[in-house]
Amino acid sequence: MNPQIDIAAEASVLVIDDEAANVALLERLLRREGFKKVTTTTDPREAVRLFNEVSPDIILLDLMMPHIDGFALLDAFSRLTGPTSFIPIVVLTADISIETRRRALSLGAKDFLVKPIDAVETLLRILNLLETRFLFRALTELTGQSPFVRRGGDPTSR
């Protein structure tokens, strides 16, 4: 990783949770760590629009929300990004069932944290995923193609 890149200052974060207190907690936590580009919403119906507007480097997503749940948003985000992109989504939920965890991960979540969150662990996971995201972007820029595409091949032919 380029030592001159300040991940927190460069990364765009999208937080989607219907509980205002959770959003405020995450935003405070991120800003305290130097994150400058934090976009939040408590209305999941705004999520796709915000996703398109801010081009997030990472998404922090609640699952159980009114109108549109996190599972539907995971599906929508994966359709928007396609199989050759990498925008990590961290699911934050109080639901500890294995079925929920498996469903979220199968729909494209890259990490899964149970509420109430541990601030230090949450930040470490976010920073680790962002480092991977920035490395992915750098590799894509260097090679001119996504690392998920095999040379001369279909990205789904794995």
C-alpha atoms as a PDB file:
ATOM      1  CA  MET A   1       0.000   0.000   0.000  1.00  0.00           C
ATOM      2  CA  ASN A   2       1.251   3.450  -0.799  1.00  0.00           C
ATOM      3  CA  PRO A   3       2.394   4.964   2.527  1.00  0.00           C
ATOM      4  CA  GLN A   4       1.366   8.408   1.272  1.00  0.00           C
ATOM      5  CA  ILE A   5      -2.328   7.449   1.127  1.00  0.00           C
ATOM      6  CA  ASP A   6      -4.330   8.311   4.218  1.00  0.00           C
ATOM      7  CA  ILE A   7      -7.109   5.733   3.939  1.00  0.00           C
ATOM      8  CA  ALA A   8      -9.385   7.462   6.432  1.00  0.00           C
ATOM      9  CA  ALA A   9      -9.089  10.823   4.701  1.00  0.00           C
ATOM     10  CA  GLU A  10      -9.501   9.382   1.196  1.00  0.00           C
ATOM     11  CA  ALA A  11     -12.234   6.784   1.722  1.00  0.00           C
ATOM     12  CA  SER A  12     -15.885   7.464   1.057  1.00  0.00           C
ATOM     13  CA  VAL A  13     -18.156   5.702   3.576  1.00  0.00           C
ATOM     14  CA  LEU A  14     -21.894   5.131   3.242  1.00  0.00           C
ATOM     15  CA  VAL A  15     -23.786   4.276   6.462  1.00  0.00           C
ATOM     16  CA  ILE A  16     -27.348   2.918   6.179  1.00  0.00           C
ATOM     17  CA  ASP A  17     -29.260   2.209   9.399  1.00  0.00           C
ATOM     18  CA  ASP A  18     -32.831   3.105  10.326  1.00  0.00           C
ATOM     19  CA  GLU A  19     -31.843   3.876  13.928  1.00  0.00           C
ATOM     20  CA  ALA A  20     -30.598   7.465  14.207  1.00  0.00           C
ATOM     21  CA  ALA A  21     -28.607   6.630  17.351  1.00  0.00           C
ATOM     22  CA  ASN A  22     -26.651   3.917  15.495  1.00  0.00           C
ATOM     23  CA  VAL A  23     -25.935   6.254  12.597  1.00  0.00           C
ATOM     24  CA  ALA A  24     -24.759   8.987  14.976  1.00  0.00           C
ATOM     25  CA  LEU A  25     -22.510   6.529  16.829  1.00  0.00           C
ATOM     26  CA  LEU A  26     -20.889   5.261  13.627  1.00  0.00           C
ATOM     27  CA  GLU A  27     -20.461   8.757  12.218  1.00  0.00           C
ATOM     28  CA  ARG A  28     -18.828   9.985  15.451  1.00  0.00           C
ATOM     29  CA  LEU A  29     -16.548   6.951  15.512  1.00  0.00           C
ATOM     30  CA  LEU A  30     -15.479   7.443  11.894  1.00  0.00           C
ATOM     31  CA  ARG A  31     -14.971  11.201  12.132  1.00  0.00           C
ATOM     32  CA  ARG A  32     -12.914  10.795  15.300  1.00  0.00           C
ATOM     33  CA  GLU A  33     -10.610   8.480  13.336  1.00  0.00           C
ATOM     34  CA  GLY A  34     -10.143  11.039  10.559  1.00  0.00           C
ATOM     35  CA  PHE A  35     -12.786   9.955   8.065  1.00  0.00           C
ATOM     36  CA  LYS A  36     -13.906  13.012   6.124  1.00  0.00           C
ATOM     37  CA  LYS A  37     -16.260  11.582   3.492  1.00  0.00           C
ATOM     38  CA  VAL A  38     -19.065  10.021   5.520  1.00  0.00           C
ATOM     39  CA  THR A  39     -22.581   9.918   4.090  1.00  0.00           C
ATOM     40  CA  THR A  40     -25.422   8.595   6.229  1.00  0.00           C
ATOM     41  CA  THR A  41     -29.101   7.831   5.973  1.00  0.00           C
ATOM     42  CA  THR A  42     -31.784   6.442   8.242  1.00  0.00           C
ATOM     43  CA  ASP A  43     -34.081   5.872   5.260  1.00  0.00           C
ATOM     44  CA  PRO A  44     -33.118   2.768   3.273  1.00  0.00           C
ATOM     45  CA  ARG A  45     -35.187   4.046   0.339  1.00  0.00           C
ATOM     46  CA  GLU A  46     -32.412   6.629  -0.221  1.00  0.00           C
ATOM     47  CA  ALA A  47     -29.619   4.032  -0.240  1.00  0.00           C
ATOM     48  CA  VAL A  48     -29.388   3.314  -3.975  1.00  0.00           C
ATOM     49  CA  ARG A  49     -29.513   7.015  -4.865  1.00  0.00           C
ATOM     50  CA  LEU A  50     -26.775   7.776  -2.319  1.00  0.00           C
ATOM     51  CA  PHE A  51     -24.728   4.832  -3.559  1.00  0.00           C
ATOM     52  CA  ASN A  52     -24.825   6.268  -7.072  1.00  0.00           C
ATOM     53  CA  GLU A  53     -24.079   9.823  -5.891  1.00  0.00           C
ATOM     54  CA  VAL A  54     -21.167   9.214  -3.515  1.00  0.00           C
ATOM     55  CA  SER A  55     -19.526   6.115  -5.072  1.00  0.00           C
ATOM     56  CA  PRO A  56     -18.627   4.687  -1.658  1.00  0.00           C
ATOM     57  CA  ASP A  57     -15.465   2.755  -0.962  1.00  0.00           C
ATOM     58  CA  ILE A  58     -17.256   0.871   1.812  1.00  0.00           C
ATOM     59  CA  ILE A  59     -20.841   0.475   3.019  1.00  0.00           C
ATOM     60  CA  LEU A  60     -21.953  -0.099   6.608  1.00  0.00           C
ATOM     61  CA  LEU A  61     -25.405  -1.660   6.397  1.00  0.00           C
ATOM     62  CA  ASP A  62     -28.104  -2.609   8.875  1.00  0.00           C
ATOM     63  CA  LEU A  63     -30.267  -5.564   7.854  1.00  0.00           C
ATOM     64  CA  MET A  64     -33.568  -5.115   9.638  1.00  0.00           C
ATOM     65  CA  MET A  65     -35.088  -1.862   8.380  1.00  0.00           C
ATOM     66  CA  PRO A  66     -38.560  -0.778   7.289  1.00  0.00           C
ATOM     67  CA  HIS A  67     -39.534  -0.363   3.622  1.00  0.00           C
ATOM     68  CA  ILE A  68     -36.384  -1.987   2.215  1.00  0.00           C
ATOM     69  CA  ASP A  69     -34.353  -4.430   4.276  1.00  0.00           C
ATOM     70  CA  GLY A  70     -30.597  -4.851   4.096  1.00  0.00           C
ATOM     71  CA  PHE A  71     -30.902  -8.088   2.120  1.00  0.00           C
ATOM     72  CA  ALA A  72     -32.700  -6.281  -0.709  1.00  0.00           C
ATOM     73  CA  LEU A  73     -30.035  -3.573  -0.631  1.00  0.00           C
ATOM     74  CA  LEU A  74     -27.238  -6.161  -0.770  1.00  0.00           C
ATOM     75  CA  ASP A  75     -28.887  -7.557  -3.891  1.00  0.00           C
ATOM     76  CA  ALA A  76     -29.332  -4.079  -5.417  1.00  0.00           C
ATOM     77  CA  PHE A  77     -25.719  -3.089  -4.741  1.00  0.00           C
ATOM     78  CA  SER A  78     -24.367  -6.308  -6.276  1.00  0.00           C
ATOM     79  CA  ARG A  79     -26.426  -5.694  -9.432  1.00  0.00           C
ATOM     80  CA  LEU A  80     -25.115  -2.117  -9.614  1.00  0.00           C
ATOM     81  CA  THR A  81     -21.458  -3.061  -9.216  1.00  0.00           C
ATOM     82  CA  GLY A  82     -21.339  -6.328 -11.130  1.00  0.00           C
ATOM     83  CA  PRO A  83     -18.964  -9.263 -10.677  1.00  0.00           C
ATOM     84  CA  THR A  84     -15.761  -7.378 -11.517  1.00  0.00           C
ATOM     85  CA  SER A  85     -15.978  -4.738  -8.803  1.00  0.00           C
ATOM     86  CA  PHE A  86     -15.062  -4.719  -5.127  1.00  0.00           C
ATOM     87  CA  ILE A  87     -16.945  -2.426  -2.787  1.00  0.00           C
ATOM     88  CA  PRO A  88     -16.953  -4.063   0.644  1.00  0.00           C
ATOM     89  CA  ILE A  89     -20.182  -4.128   2.617  1.00  0.00           C
ATOM     90  CA  VAL A  90     -20.089  -4.627   6.376  1.00  0.00           C
ATOM     91  CA  VAL A  91     -23.374  -5.814   7.821  1.00  0.00           C
ATOM     92  CA  LEU A  92     -24.164  -4.498  11.302  1.00  0.00           C
ATOM     93  CA  THR A  93     -27.102  -6.253  12.925  1.00  0.00           C
ATOM     94  CA  ALA A  94     -28.487  -7.503  16.216  1.00  0.00           C
ATOM     95  CA  ASP A  95     -29.620 -10.743  14.554  1.00  0.00           C
ATOM     96  CA  ILE A  96     -27.145 -13.437  15.570  1.00  0.00           C
ATOM     97  CA  SER A  97     -28.723 -16.366  13.726  1.00  0.00           C
ATOM     98  CA  ILE A  98     -26.504 -18.431  11.448  1.00  0.00           C
ATOM     99  CA  GLU A  99     -29.160 -18.240   8.710  1.00  0.00           C
ATOM    100  CA  THR A 100     -28.985 -14.432   8.685  1.00  0.00           C
ATOM    101  CA  ARG A 101     -25.203 -14.471   8.619  1.00  0.00           C
ATOM    102  CA  ARG A 102     -25.078 -16.980   5.771  1.00  0.00           C
ATOM    103  CA  ARG A 103     -27.730 -15.159   3.761  1.00  0.00           C
ATOM    104  CA  ALA A 104     -25.947 -11.806   4.112  1.00  0.00           C
ATOM    105  CA  LEU A 105     -22.582 -13.283   3.160  1.00  0.00           C
ATOM    106  CA  SER A 106     -24.085 -15.136   0.189  1.00  0.00           C
ATOM    107  CA  LEU A 107     -25.591 -11.868  -1.065  1.00  0.00           C
ATOM    108  CA  GLY A 108     -22.208 -10.148  -1.075  1.00  0.00           C
ATOM    109  CA  ALA A 109     -21.517  -8.867   2.435  1.00  0.00           C
ATOM    110  CA  LYS A 110     -17.770  -9.013   3.094  1.00  0.00           C
ATOM    111  CA  ASP A 111     -17.994  -8.851   6.878  1.00  0.00           C
ATOM    112  CA  PHE A 112     -20.614  -9.254   9.558  1.00  0.00           C
ATOM    113  CA  LEU A 113     -20.661  -7.532  12.957  1.00  0.00           C
ATOM    114  CA  VAL A 114     -23.210  -8.040  15.717  1.00  0.00           C
ATOM    115  CA  LYS A 115     -24.690  -5.076  17.584  1.00  0.00           C
ATOM    116  CA  PRO A 116     -23.901  -3.631  19.981  1.00  0.00           C
ATOM    117  CA  ILE A 117     -20.665  -3.078  18.112  1.00  0.00           C
ATOM    118  CA  ASP A 118     -17.211  -2.961  19.623  1.00  0.00           C
ATOM    119  CA  ALA A 119     -15.763   0.362  18.440  1.00  0.00           C
ATOM    120  CA  VAL A 120     -12.145  -0.780  18.140  1.00  0.00           C
ATOM    121  CA  GLU A 121     -12.978  -4.018  16.330  1.00  0.00           C
ATOM    122  CA  THR A 122     -15.368  -2.201  13.996  1.00  0.00           C
ATOM    123  CA  LEU A 123     -12.733   0.373  13.048  1.00  0.00           C
ATOM    124  CA  LEU A 124     -10.080  -2.291  12.499  1.00  0.00           C
ATOM    125  CA  ARG A 125     -12.385  -4.280  10.222  1.00  0.00           C
ATOM    126  CA  ILE A 126     -13.348  -1.148   8.285  1.00  0.00           C
ATOM    127  CA  LEU A 127      -9.696  -0.146   7.835  1.00  0.00           C
ATOM    128  CA  ASN A 128      -8.719  -3.677   6.752  1.00  0.00           C
ATOM    129  CA  LEU A 129     -11.471  -3.795   4.136  1.00  0.00           C
ATOM    130  CA  LEU A 130     -10.619  -0.299   2.923  1.00  0.00           C
ATOM    131  CA  GLU A 131      -6.981  -1.266   2.514  1.00  0.00           C
ATOM    132  CA  THR A 132      -8.124  -4.178   0.348  1.00  0.00           C
ATOM    133  CA  ARG A 133     -10.424  -1.845  -1.593  1.00  0.00           C
ATOM    134  CA  PHE A 134      -7.599   0.616  -2.279  1.00  0.00           C
ATOM    135  CA  LEU A 135      -5.250  -2.202  -3.322  1.00  0.00           C
ATOM    136  CA  PHE A 136      -7.961  -3.512  -5.667  1.00  0.00           C
ATOM    137  CA  ARG A 137      -8.322  -0.059  -7.226  1.00  0.00           C
ATOM    138  CA  ALA A 138      -4.545   0.324  -7.624  1.00  0.00           C
ATOM    139  CA  LEU A 139      -4.248  -3.096  -9.273  1.00  0.00           C
ATOM    140  CA  THR A 140      -7.131  -2.295 -11.605  1.00  0.00           C
ATOM    141  CA  GLU A 141      -5.473   0.991 -12.600  1.00  0.00           C
ATOM    142  CA  LEU A 142      -2.108  -0.712 -13.158  1.00  0.00           C
ATOM    143  CA  THR A 143      -3.434  -3.556 -15.279  1.00  0.00           C
ATOM    144  CA  GLY A 144      -6.319  -1.763 -16.943  1.00  0.00           C
ATOM    145  CA  GLN A 145      -8.763  -4.435 -15.857  1.00  0.00           C
ATOM    146  CA  SER A 146     -10.343  -5.893 -12.771  1.00  0.00           C
ATOM    147  CA  PRO A 147      -8.293  -8.611 -11.063  1.00  0.00           C
ATOM    148  CA  PHE A 148     -11.521 -10.650 -11.086  1.00  0.00           C
ATOM    149  CA  VAL A 149     -11.355 -11.006 -14.878  1.00  0.00           C
ATOM    150  CA  ARG A 150      -9.240 -13.841 -16.175  1.00  0.00           C
ATOM    151  CA  ARG A 151      -7.106 -12.996 -19.160  1.00  0.00           C
ATOM    152  CA  GLY A 152      -9.231 -13.326 -22.229  1.00  0.00           C
ATOM    153  CA  GLY A 153     -11.965 -14.870 -20.172  1.00  0.00           C
ATOM    154  CA  ASP A 154     -15.263 -14.518 -18.490  1.00  0.00           C
ATOM    155  CA  PRO A 155     -15.126 -13.302 -14.837  1.00  0.00           C
ATOM    156  CA  THR A 156     -17.681 -15.955 -13.901  1.00  0.00           C
ATOM    157  CA  SER A 157     -15.683 -18.862 -15.308  1.00  0.00           C
ATOM    158  CA  ARG A 158     -13.894 -19.630 -12.072  1.00  0.00           C
END
